[in-house]
Amino acid sequence: ILHALGHAAEKNWPLDIRLAALFHDIGKPKTRRWDG
């Protein structure tokens, strides 16, 4: 998510895009499951 945010900054995109980039995968740790 840091790299995603970094790309939004490189593109000089506005706050809403940057926040969405930073938060887009914030739910992953709570939903991670191991599929064997």
Full PDB file with SEQRES, HELIX, SHEET, SSBOND, CRYST1, ORIGX, SCALE, CONECT and MASTER records, all heavy atoms in Angstrom:
SEQRES   1 A   36  ILE LEU HIS ALA LEU GLY HIS ALA ALA GLU LYS ASN TRP          
SEQRES   2 A   36  PRO LEU ASP ILE ARG LEU ALA ALA LEU PHE HIS ASP ILE          
SEQRES   3 A   36  GLY LYS PRO LYS THR ARG ARG TRP ASP GLY                      
HELIX    1 AA1 LEU A    2  GLU A   10  1                                   9    
HELIX    2 AA2 LEU A   15  PHE A   23  1                                   9    
HELIX    3 AA3 LYS A   28  THR A   31  1                                   4    
CRYST1    1.000    1.000    1.000  90.00  90.00  90.00 P 1           1          
ORIGX1      1.000000  0.000000  0.000000        0.00000                         
ORIGX2      0.000000  1.000000  0.000000        0.00000                         
ORIGX3      0.000000  0.000000  1.000000        0.00000                         
SCALE1      1.000000  0.000000  0.000000        0.00000                         
SCALE2      0.000000  1.000000  0.000000        0.00000                         
SCALE3      0.000000  0.000000  1.000000        0.00000                         
ATOM      1  N   ILE A   1       0.829  -1.211   0.000  1.00  0.00           N  
ATOM      2  CA  ILE A   1       0.000   0.000   0.000  1.00  0.00           C  
ATOM      3  C   ILE A   1       0.863   1.260   0.000  1.00  0.00           C  
ATOM      4  O   ILE A   1       0.461   2.290  -0.532  1.00  0.00           O  
ATOM      5  CB  ILE A   1      -1.016   0.018   1.162  1.00  0.00           C  
ATOM      6  CG1 ILE A   1      -0.323  -0.015   2.520  1.00  0.00           C  
ATOM      7  CG2 ILE A   1      -2.002  -1.132   1.029  1.00  0.00           C  
ATOM      8  CD1 ILE A   1      -1.290   0.065   3.707  1.00  0.00           C  
ATOM      9  N   LEU A   2       2.069   1.175   0.573  1.00  0.00           N  
ATOM     10  CA  LEU A   2       2.977   2.324   0.505  1.00  0.00           C  
ATOM     11  C   LEU A   2       3.404   2.590  -0.932  1.00  0.00           C  
ATOM     12  O   LEU A   2       3.458   3.743  -1.383  1.00  0.00           O  
ATOM     13  CB  LEU A   2       4.209   2.104   1.379  1.00  0.00           C  
ATOM     14  CG  LEU A   2       4.044   2.241   2.894  1.00  0.00           C  
ATOM     15  CD1 LEU A   2       5.411   2.273   3.563  1.00  0.00           C  
ATOM     16  CD2 LEU A   2       3.268   3.496   3.267  1.00  0.00           C  
ATOM     17  N   HIS A   3       3.732   1.526  -1.663  1.00  0.00           N  
ATOM     18  CA  HIS A   3       4.115   1.697  -3.066  1.00  0.00           C  
ATOM     19  C   HIS A   3       2.938   2.210  -3.891  1.00  0.00           C  
ATOM     20  O   HIS A   3       3.127   3.012  -4.824  1.00  0.00           O  
ATOM     21  CB  HIS A   3       4.644   0.376  -3.633  1.00  0.00           C  
ATOM     22  CG  HIS A   3       6.054   0.074  -3.237  1.00  0.00           C  
ATOM     23  ND1 HIS A   3       7.144   0.635  -3.876  1.00  0.00           N  
ATOM     24  CD2 HIS A   3       6.567  -0.711  -2.247  1.00  0.00           C  
ATOM     25  CE1 HIS A   3       8.259   0.197  -3.311  1.00  0.00           C  
ATOM     26  NE2 HIS A   3       7.941  -0.613  -2.323  1.00  0.00           N  
ATOM     27  N   ALA A   4       1.724   1.755  -3.581  1.00  0.00           N  
ATOM     28  CA  ALA A   4       0.536   2.255  -4.285  1.00  0.00           C  
ATOM     29  C   ALA A   4       0.362   3.750  -4.035  1.00  0.00           C  
ATOM     30  O   ALA A   4       0.101   4.526  -4.963  1.00  0.00           O  
ATOM     31  CB  ALA A   4      -0.703   1.487  -3.824  1.00  0.00           C  
ATOM     32  N   LEU A   5       0.532   4.161  -2.781  1.00  0.00           N  
ATOM     33  CA  LEU A   5       0.453   5.584  -2.437  1.00  0.00           C  
ATOM     34  C   LEU A   5       1.555   6.368  -3.136  1.00  0.00           C  
ATOM     35  O   LEU A   5       1.332   7.477  -3.637  1.00  0.00           O  
ATOM     36  CB  LEU A   5       0.558   5.757  -0.919  1.00  0.00           C  
ATOM     37  CG  LEU A   5       0.693   7.189  -0.390  1.00  0.00           C  
ATOM     38  CD1 LEU A   5      -0.515   8.035  -0.782  1.00  0.00           C  
ATOM     39  CD2 LEU A   5       0.871   7.187   1.122  1.00  0.00           C  
ATOM     40  N   GLY A   6       2.748   5.791  -3.170  1.00  0.00           N  
ATOM     41  CA  GLY A   6       3.869   6.463  -3.828  1.00  0.00           C  
ATOM     42  C   GLY A   6       3.584   6.730  -5.294  1.00  0.00           C  
ATOM     43  O   GLY A   6       3.944   7.800  -5.822  1.00  0.00           O  
ATOM     44  N   HIS A   7       2.915   5.793  -5.962  1.00  0.00           N  
ATOM     45  CA  HIS A   7       2.593   6.003  -7.377  1.00  0.00           C  
ATOM     46  C   HIS A   7       1.582   7.138  -7.533  1.00  0.00           C  
ATOM     47  O   HIS A   7       1.693   7.965  -8.449  1.00  0.00           O  
ATOM     48  CB  HIS A   7       2.025   4.721  -7.980  1.00  0.00           C  
ATOM     49  CG  HIS A   7       1.683   4.858  -9.435  1.00  0.00           C  
ATOM     50  ND1 HIS A   7       2.644   5.001 -10.416  1.00  0.00           N  
ATOM     51  CD2 HIS A   7       0.478   4.911 -10.079  1.00  0.00           C  
ATOM     52  CE1 HIS A   7       2.057   5.121 -11.599  1.00  0.00           C  
ATOM     53  NE2 HIS A   7       0.746   5.073 -11.420  1.00  0.00           N  
ATOM     54  N   ALA A   8       0.602   7.188  -6.636  1.00  0.00           N  
ATOM     55  CA  ALA A   8      -0.377   8.284  -6.690  1.00  0.00           C  
ATOM     56  C   ALA A   8       0.312   9.630  -6.521  1.00  0.00           C  
ATOM     57  O   ALA A   8      -0.069  10.626  -7.153  1.00  0.00           O  
ATOM     58  CB  ALA A   8      -1.443   8.092  -5.608  1.00  0.00           C  
ATOM     59  N   ALA A   9       1.351   9.670  -5.667  1.00  0.00           N  
ATOM     60  CA  ALA A   9       2.099  10.915  -5.471  1.00  0.00           C  
ATOM     61  C   ALA A   9       2.913  11.261  -6.715  1.00  0.00           C  
ATOM     62  O   ALA A   9       2.990  12.430  -7.118  1.00  0.00           O  
ATOM     63  CB  ALA A   9       3.013  10.782  -4.256  1.00  0.00           C  
ATOM     64  N   GLU A  10       3.523  10.257  -7.328  1.00  0.00           N  
ATOM     65  CA  GLU A  10       4.291  10.497  -8.551  1.00  0.00           C  
ATOM     66  C   GLU A  10       3.417  11.077  -9.652  1.00  0.00           C  
ATOM     67  O   GLU A  10       3.856  11.906 -10.449  1.00  0.00           O  
ATOM     68  CB  GLU A  10       4.926   9.188  -9.036  1.00  0.00           C  
ATOM     69  CG  GLU A  10       6.092   8.712  -8.186  1.00  0.00           C  
ATOM     70  CD  GLU A  10       6.613   7.371  -8.648  1.00  0.00           C  
ATOM     71  OE1 GLU A  10       6.190   6.902  -9.736  1.00  0.00           O  
ATOM     72  OE2 GLU A  10       7.452   6.774  -7.940  1.00  0.00           O  
ATOM     73  N   LYS A  11       2.165  10.644  -9.680  1.00  0.00           N  
ATOM     74  CA  LYS A  11       1.217  11.153 -10.672  1.00  0.00           C  
ATOM     75  C   LYS A  11       0.607  12.493 -10.248  1.00  0.00           C  
ATOM     76  O   LYS A  11      -0.165  13.090 -11.000  1.00  0.00           O  
ATOM     77  CB  LYS A  11       0.084  10.132 -10.871  1.00  0.00           C  
ATOM     78  CG  LYS A  11       0.523   8.862 -11.581  1.00  0.00           C  
ATOM     79  CD  LYS A  11       0.706   9.120 -13.069  1.00  0.00           C  
ATOM     80  CE  LYS A  11       0.895   7.824 -13.825  1.00  0.00           C  
ATOM     81  NZ  LYS A  11       0.943   8.039 -15.291  1.00  0.00           N  
ATOM     82  N   ASN A  12       0.926  12.916  -9.033  1.00  0.00           N  
ATOM     83  CA  ASN A  12       0.382  14.161  -8.480  1.00  0.00           C  
ATOM     84  C   ASN A  12      -1.142  14.140  -8.426  1.00  0.00           C  
ATOM     85  O   ASN A  12      -1.812  15.142  -8.673  1.00  0.00           O  
ATOM     86  CB  ASN A  12       0.862  15.377  -9.289  1.00  0.00           C  
ATOM     87  CG  ASN A  12       0.714  16.680  -8.508  1.00  0.00           C  
ATOM     88  OD1 ASN A  12       0.783  16.687  -7.278  1.00  0.00           O  
ATOM     89  ND2 ASN A  12       0.509  17.770  -9.204  1.00  0.00           N  
ATOM     90  N   TRP A  13      -1.675  12.963  -8.095  1.00  0.00           N  
ATOM     91  CA  TRP A  13      -3.121  12.824  -7.980  1.00  0.00           C  
ATOM     92  C   TRP A  13      -3.614  13.400  -6.658  1.00  0.00           C  
ATOM     93  O   TRP A  13      -2.855  13.509  -5.683  1.00  0.00           O  
ATOM     94  CB  TRP A  13      -3.508  11.355  -8.127  1.00  0.00           C  
ATOM     95  CG  TRP A  13      -3.468  10.915  -9.568  1.00  0.00           C  
ATOM     96  CD1 TRP A  13      -3.630  11.715 -10.660  1.00  0.00           C  
ATOM     97  CD2 TRP A  13      -3.254   9.591 -10.069  1.00  0.00           C  
ATOM     98  NE1 TRP A  13      -3.541  10.970 -11.821  1.00  0.00           N  
ATOM     99  CE2 TRP A  13      -3.313   9.664 -11.499  1.00  0.00           C  
ATOM    100  CE3 TRP A  13      -3.032   8.354  -9.471  1.00  0.00           C  
ATOM    101  CZ2 TRP A  13      -3.145   8.553 -12.309  1.00  0.00           C  
ATOM    102  CZ3 TRP A  13      -2.874   7.236 -10.288  1.00  0.00           C  
ATOM    103  CH2 TRP A  13      -2.925   7.337 -11.689  1.00  0.00           C  
ATOM    104  N   PRO A  14      -4.892  13.771  -6.570  1.00  0.00           N  
ATOM    105  CA  PRO A  14      -5.418  14.482  -5.391  1.00  0.00           C  
ATOM    106  C   PRO A  14      -5.599  13.568  -4.181  1.00  0.00           C  
ATOM    107  O   PRO A  14      -5.372  12.357  -4.231  1.00  0.00           O  
ATOM    108  CB  PRO A  14      -6.759  15.028  -5.883  1.00  0.00           C  
ATOM    109  CG  PRO A  14      -7.170  14.089  -6.968  1.00  0.00           C  
ATOM    110  CD  PRO A  14      -5.895  13.663  -7.643  1.00  0.00           C  
ATOM    111  N   LEU A  15      -6.058  14.182  -3.096  1.00  0.00           N  
ATOM    112  CA  LEU A  15      -6.147  13.504  -1.800  1.00  0.00           C  
ATOM    113  C   LEU A  15      -7.025  12.269  -1.849  1.00  0.00           C  
ATOM    114  O   LEU A  15      -6.675  11.234  -1.267  1.00  0.00           O  
ATOM    115  CB  LEU A  15      -6.663  14.482  -0.740  1.00  0.00           C  
ATOM    116  CG  LEU A  15      -6.828  13.928   0.680  1.00  0.00           C  
ATOM    117  CD1 LEU A  15      -5.480  13.484   1.246  1.00  0.00           C  
ATOM    118  CD2 LEU A  15      -7.468  14.980   1.596  1.00  0.00           C  
ATOM    119  N   ASP A  16      -8.180  12.327  -2.525  1.00  0.00           N  
ATOM    120  CA  ASP A  16      -9.076  11.176  -2.513  1.00  0.00           C  
ATOM    121  C   ASP A  16      -8.426   9.945  -3.147  1.00  0.00           C  
ATOM    122  O   ASP A  16      -8.544   8.830  -2.622  1.00  0.00           O  
ATOM    123  CB  ASP A  16     -10.415  11.507  -3.192  1.00  0.00           C  
ATOM    124  CG  ASP A  16     -10.255  12.130  -4.568  1.00  0.00           C  
ATOM    125  OD1 ASP A  16      -9.118  12.227  -5.068  1.00  0.00           O  
ATOM    126  OD2 ASP A  16     -11.278  12.537  -5.158  1.00  0.00           O  
ATOM    127  N   ILE A  17      -7.691  10.137  -4.232  1.00  0.00           N  
ATOM    128  CA  ILE A  17      -7.003   9.014  -4.879  1.00  0.00           C  
ATOM    129  C   ILE A  17      -5.887   8.491  -3.988  1.00  0.00           C  
ATOM    130  O   ILE A  17      -5.688   7.279  -3.847  1.00  0.00           O  
ATOM    131  CB  ILE A  17      -6.439   9.432  -6.244  1.00  0.00           C  
ATOM    132  CG1 ILE A  17      -7.523  10.027  -7.134  1.00  0.00           C  
ATOM    133  CG2 ILE A  17      -5.771   8.228  -6.934  1.00  0.00           C  
ATOM    134  CD1 ILE A  17      -8.643   9.087  -7.452  1.00  0.00           C  
ATOM    135  N   ARG A  18      -5.155   9.384  -3.368  1.00  0.00           N  
ATOM    136  CA  ARG A  18      -4.037   8.968  -2.512  1.00  0.00           C  
ATOM    137  C   ARG A  18      -4.538   8.180  -1.296  1.00  0.00           C  
ATOM    138  O   ARG A  18      -3.947   7.163  -0.920  1.00  0.00           O  
ATOM    139  CB  ARG A  18      -3.226  10.187  -2.057  1.00  0.00           C  
ATOM    140  CG  ARG A  18      -2.560  10.925  -3.205  1.00  0.00           C  
ATOM    141  CD  ARG A  18      -1.526  11.914  -2.699  1.00  0.00           C  
ATOM    142  NE  ARG A  18      -1.097  12.838  -3.744  1.00  0.00           N  
ATOM    143  CZ  ARG A  18       0.043  13.495  -3.735  1.00  0.00           C  
ATOM    144  NH1 ARG A  18       0.884  13.354  -2.725  1.00  0.00           N  
ATOM    145  NH2 ARG A  18       0.369  14.318  -4.718  1.00  0.00           N  
ATOM    146  N   LEU A  19      -5.620   8.656  -0.691  1.00  0.00           N  
ATOM    147  CA  LEU A  19      -6.169   7.932   0.455  1.00  0.00           C  
ATOM    148  C   LEU A  19      -6.703   6.563   0.035  1.00  0.00           C  
ATOM    149  O   LEU A  19      -6.500   5.563   0.733  1.00  0.00           O  
ATOM    150  CB  LEU A  19      -7.282   8.750   1.115  1.00  0.00           C  
ATOM    151  CG  LEU A  19      -6.843   9.993   1.887  1.00  0.00           C  
ATOM    152  CD1 LEU A  19      -8.057  10.771   2.382  1.00  0.00           C  
ATOM    153  CD2 LEU A  19      -5.936   9.633   3.061  1.00  0.00           C  
ATOM    154  N   ALA A  20      -7.372   6.498  -1.110  1.00  0.00           N  
ATOM    155  CA  ALA A  20      -7.882   5.215  -1.593  1.00  0.00           C  
ATOM    156  C   ALA A  20      -6.736   4.262  -1.895  1.00  0.00           C  
ATOM    157  O   ALA A  20      -6.822   3.058  -1.614  1.00  0.00           O  
ATOM    158  CB  ALA A  20      -8.747   5.426  -2.836  1.00  0.00           C  
ATOM    159  N   ALA A  21      -5.644   4.783  -2.447  1.00  0.00           N  
ATOM    160  CA  ALA A  21      -4.469   3.947  -2.722  1.00  0.00           C  
ATOM    161  C   ALA A  21      -3.877   3.416  -1.416  1.00  0.00           C  
ATOM    162  O   ALA A  21      -3.513   2.236  -1.314  1.00  0.00           O  
ATOM    163  CB  ALA A  21      -3.427   4.746  -3.502  1.00  0.00           C  
ATOM    164  N   LEU A  22      -3.794   4.272  -0.409  1.00  0.00           N  
ATOM    165  CA  LEU A  22      -3.237   3.866   0.881  1.00  0.00           C  
ATOM    166  C   LEU A  22      -4.124   2.856   1.586  1.00  0.00           C  
ATOM    167  O   LEU A  22      -3.637   1.930   2.251  1.00  0.00           O  
ATOM    168  CB  LEU A  22      -3.038   5.101   1.768  1.00  0.00           C  
ATOM    169  CG  LEU A  22      -2.492   4.862   3.178  1.00  0.00           C  
ATOM    170  CD1 LEU A  22      -1.080   4.271   3.130  1.00  0.00           C  
ATOM    171  CD2 LEU A  22      -2.498   6.152   3.989  1.00  0.00           C  
ATOM    172  N   PHE A  23      -5.437   3.007   1.434  1.00  0.00           N  
ATOM    173  CA  PHE A  23      -6.382   2.169   2.188  1.00  0.00           C  
ATOM    174  C   PHE A  23      -6.937   0.984   1.408  1.00  0.00           C  
ATOM    175  O   PHE A  23      -7.674   0.176   1.973  1.00  0.00           O  
ATOM    176  CB  PHE A  23      -7.574   3.033   2.641  1.00  0.00           C  
ATOM    177  CG  PHE A  23      -7.227   4.096   3.655  1.00  0.00           C  
ATOM    178  CD1 PHE A  23      -7.935   5.290   3.692  1.00  0.00           C  
ATOM    179  CD2 PHE A  23      -6.205   3.910   4.566  1.00  0.00           C  
ATOM    180  CE1 PHE A  23      -7.637   6.269   4.632  1.00  0.00           C  
ATOM    181  CE2 PHE A  23      -5.887   4.887   5.504  1.00  0.00           C  
ATOM    182  CZ  PHE A  23      -6.606   6.060   5.535  1.00  0.00           C  
ATOM    183  N   HIS A  24      -6.620   0.857   0.122  1.00  0.00           N  
ATOM    184  CA  HIS A  24      -7.372  -0.084  -0.712  1.00  0.00           C  
ATOM    185  C   HIS A  24      -7.275  -1.527  -0.231  1.00  0.00           C  
ATOM    186  O   HIS A  24      -8.211  -2.300  -0.381  1.00  0.00           O  
ATOM    187  CB  HIS A  24      -6.940   0.031  -2.183  1.00  0.00           C  
ATOM    188  CG  HIS A  24      -5.632  -0.609  -2.510  1.00  0.00           C  
ATOM    189  ND1 HIS A  24      -4.427  -0.001  -2.254  1.00  0.00           N  
ATOM    190  CD2 HIS A  24      -5.344  -1.811  -3.073  1.00  0.00           C  
ATOM    191  CE1 HIS A  24      -3.441  -0.797  -2.654  1.00  0.00           C  
ATOM    192  NE2 HIS A  24      -3.965  -1.910  -3.157  1.00  0.00           N  
ATOM    193  N   ASP A  25      -6.141  -1.921   0.360  1.00  0.00           N  
ATOM    194  CA  ASP A  25      -5.987  -3.303   0.834  1.00  0.00           C  
ATOM    195  C   ASP A  25      -5.946  -3.401   2.361  1.00  0.00           C  
ATOM    196  O   ASP A  25      -5.442  -4.382   2.915  1.00  0.00           O  
ATOM    197  CB  ASP A  25      -4.709  -3.920   0.255  1.00  0.00           C  
ATOM    198  CG  ASP A  25      -4.916  -4.484  -1.143  1.00  0.00           C  
ATOM    199  OD1 ASP A  25      -6.068  -4.524  -1.593  1.00  0.00           O  
ATOM    200  OD2 ASP A  25      -3.927  -4.866  -1.792  1.00  0.00           O  
ATOM    201  N   ILE A  26      -6.505  -2.409   3.029  1.00  0.00           N  
ATOM    202  CA  ILE A  26      -6.416  -2.369   4.482  1.00  0.00           C  
ATOM    203  C   ILE A  26      -7.187  -3.513   5.127  1.00  0.00           C  
ATOM    204  O   ILE A  26      -6.938  -3.898   6.276  1.00  0.00           O  
ATOM    205  CB  ILE A  26      -6.907  -1.000   5.009  1.00  0.00           C  
ATOM    206  CG1 ILE A  26      -6.326  -0.716   6.400  1.00  0.00           C  
ATOM    207  CG2 ILE A  26      -8.428  -0.912   4.996  1.00  0.00           C  
ATOM    208  CD1 ILE A  26      -6.453   0.728   6.820  1.00  0.00           C  
ATOM    209  N   GLY A  27      -8.129  -4.117   4.376  1.00  0.00           N  
ATOM    210  CA  GLY A  27      -8.899  -5.235   4.908  1.00  0.00           C  
ATOM    211  C   GLY A  27      -8.240  -6.594   4.722  1.00  0.00           C  
ATOM    212  O   GLY A  27      -8.768  -7.609   5.202  1.00  0.00           O  
ATOM    213  N   LYS A  28      -7.086  -6.636   4.055  1.00  0.00           N  
ATOM    214  CA  LYS A  28      -6.459  -7.927   3.764  1.00  0.00           C  
ATOM    215  C   LYS A  28      -6.025  -8.704   5.015  1.00  0.00           C  
ATOM    216  O   LYS A  28      -6.269  -9.920   5.095  1.00  0.00           O  
ATOM    217  CB  LYS A  28      -5.278  -7.742   2.813  1.00  0.00           C  
ATOM    218  CG  LYS A  28      -5.691  -7.731   1.356  1.00  0.00           C  
ATOM    219  CD  LYS A  28      -4.493  -7.798   0.432  1.00  0.00           C  
ATOM    220  CE  LYS A  28      -4.934  -8.065  -1.010  1.00  0.00           C  
ATOM    221  NZ  LYS A  28      -3.797  -8.154  -1.929  1.00  0.00           N  
ATOM    222  N   PRO A  29      -5.358  -8.080   5.988  1.00  0.00           N  
ATOM    223  CA  PRO A  29      -4.941  -8.865   7.157  1.00  0.00           C  
ATOM    224  C   PRO A  29      -6.105  -9.563   7.864  1.00  0.00           C  
ATOM    225  O   PRO A  29      -5.949 -10.679   8.370  1.00  0.00           O  
ATOM    226  CB  PRO A  29      -4.275  -7.820   8.063  1.00  0.00           C  
ATOM    227  CG  PRO A  29      -3.773  -6.772   7.121  1.00  0.00           C  
ATOM    228  CD  PRO A  29      -4.817  -6.703   6.059  1.00  0.00           C  
ATOM    229  N   LYS A  30      -7.265  -8.924   7.896  1.00  0.00           N  
ATOM    230  CA  LYS A  30      -8.419  -9.521   8.592  1.00  0.00           C  
ATOM    231  C   LYS A  30      -9.064 -10.639   7.780  1.00  0.00           C  
ATOM    232  O   LYS A  30      -9.826 -11.451   8.330  1.00  0.00           O  
ATOM    233  CB  LYS A  30      -9.461  -8.438   8.901  1.00  0.00           C  
ATOM    234  CG  LYS A  30      -9.002  -7.430   9.941  1.00  0.00           C  
ATOM    235  CD  LYS A  30     -10.130  -6.499  10.340  1.00  0.00           C  
ATOM    236  CE  LYS A  30      -9.677  -5.445  11.340  1.00  0.00           C  
ATOM    237  NZ  LYS A  30      -9.116  -6.024  12.580  1.00  0.00           N  
ATOM    238  N   THR A  31      -8.790 -10.700   6.492  1.00  0.00           N  
ATOM    239  CA  THR A  31      -9.447 -11.708   5.648  1.00  0.00           C  
ATOM    240  C   THR A  31      -8.465 -12.767   5.142  1.00  0.00           C  
ATOM    241  O   THR A  31      -8.870 -13.652   4.385  1.00  0.00           O  
ATOM    242  CB  THR A  31     -10.112 -11.031   4.434  1.00  0.00           C  
ATOM    243  OG1 THR A  31      -9.117 -10.306   3.690  1.00  0.00           O  
ATOM    244  CG2 THR A  31     -11.207 -10.071   4.882  1.00  0.00           C  
ATOM    245  N   ARG A  32      -7.202 -12.684   5.542  1.00  0.00           N  
ATOM    246  CA  ARG A  32      -6.210 -13.624   5.015  1.00  0.00           C  
ATOM    247  C   ARG A  32      -6.474 -15.039   5.521  1.00  0.00           C  
ATOM    248  O   ARG A  32      -6.659 -15.263   6.712  1.00  0.00           O  
ATOM    249  CB  ARG A  32      -4.788 -13.192   5.398  1.00  0.00           C  
ATOM    250  CG  ARG A  32      -3.716 -14.023   4.696  1.00  0.00           C  
ATOM    251  CD  ARG A  32      -2.328 -13.523   5.006  1.00  0.00           C  
ATOM    252  NE  ARG A  32      -1.906 -13.858   6.354  1.00  0.00           N  
ATOM    253  CZ  ARG A  32      -0.624 -13.965   6.738  1.00  0.00           C  
ATOM    254  NH1 ARG A  32       0.347 -13.755   5.867  1.00  0.00           N  
ATOM    255  NH2 ARG A  32      -0.332 -14.261   7.981  1.00  0.00           N  
ATOM    256  N   ARG A  33      -6.499 -15.982   4.593  1.00  0.00           N  
ATOM    257  CA  ARG A  33      -6.660 -17.400   4.914  1.00  0.00           C  
ATOM    258  C   ARG A  33      -5.649 -18.200   4.096  1.00  0.00           C  
ATOM    259  O   ARG A  33      -5.280 -17.808   2.989  1.00  0.00           O  
ATOM    260  CB  ARG A  33      -8.074 -17.885   4.575  1.00  0.00           C  
ATOM    261  CG  ARG A  33      -9.198 -17.157   5.297  1.00  0.00           C  
ATOM    262  CD  ARG A  33      -9.217 -17.452   6.787  1.00  0.00           C  
ATOM    263  NE  ARG A  33     -10.346 -16.798   7.438  1.00  0.00           N  
ATOM    264  CZ  ARG A  33     -10.310 -15.567   7.941  1.00  0.00           C  
ATOM    265  NH1 ARG A  33      -9.193 -14.844   7.850  1.00  0.00           N  
ATOM    266  NH2 ARG A  33     -11.378 -15.045   8.512  1.00  0.00           N  
ATOM    267  N   TRP A  34      -5.227 -19.327   4.648  1.00  0.00           N  
ATOM    268  CA  TRP A  34      -4.277 -20.182   3.940  1.00  0.00           C  
ATOM    269  C   TRP A  34      -5.039 -21.263   3.192  1.00  0.00           C  
ATOM    270  O   TRP A  34      -5.847 -21.997   3.767  1.00  0.00           O  
ATOM    271  CB  TRP A  34      -3.286 -20.813   4.902  1.00  0.00           C  
ATOM    272  CG  TRP A  34      -2.298 -21.726   4.212  1.00  0.00           C  
ATOM    273  CD1 TRP A  34      -2.264 -23.087   4.231  1.00  0.00           C  
ATOM    274  CD2 TRP A  34      -1.197 -21.314   3.395  1.00  0.00           C  
ATOM    275  NE1 TRP A  34      -1.229 -23.559   3.478  1.00  0.00           N  
ATOM    276  CE2 TRP A  34      -0.548 -22.491   2.947  1.00  0.00           C  
ATOM    277  CE3 TRP A  34      -0.707 -20.073   2.983  1.00  0.00           C  
ATOM    278  CZ2 TRP A  34       0.567 -22.471   2.119  1.00  0.00           C  
ATOM    279  CZ3 TRP A  34       0.406 -20.040   2.159  1.00  0.00           C  
ATOM    280  CH2 TRP A  34       1.032 -21.214   1.744  1.00  0.00           C  
ATOM    281  N   ASP A  35      -4.817 -21.344   1.909  1.00  0.00           N  
ATOM    282  CA  ASP A  35      -5.459 -22.355   1.073  1.00  0.00           C  
ATOM    283  C   ASP A  35      -4.393 -23.372   0.660  1.00  0.00           C  
ATOM    284  O   ASP A  35      -3.530 -23.078  -0.158  1.00  0.00           O  
ATOM    285  CB  ASP A  35      -6.073 -21.685  -0.164  1.00  0.00           C  
ATOM    286  CG  ASP A  35      -6.777 -22.681  -1.078  1.00  0.00           C  
ATOM    287  OD1 ASP A  35      -6.761 -23.881  -0.752  1.00  0.00           O  
ATOM    288  OD2 ASP A  35      -7.326 -22.250  -2.101  1.00  0.00           O  
ATOM    289  N   GLY A  36      -4.464 -24.554   1.222  1.00  0.00           N  
ATOM    290  CA  GLY A  36      -3.449 -25.572   0.961  1.00  0.00           C  
ATOM    291  C   GLY A  36      -3.825 -26.532  -0.129  1.00  0.00           C  
ATOM    292  O   GLY A  36      -3.198 -27.592  -0.276  1.00  0.00           O  
TER     293      GLY A  36                                                      
MASTER        0    0    0    3    0    0    0    6  292    1    0    3          
END                                                                             
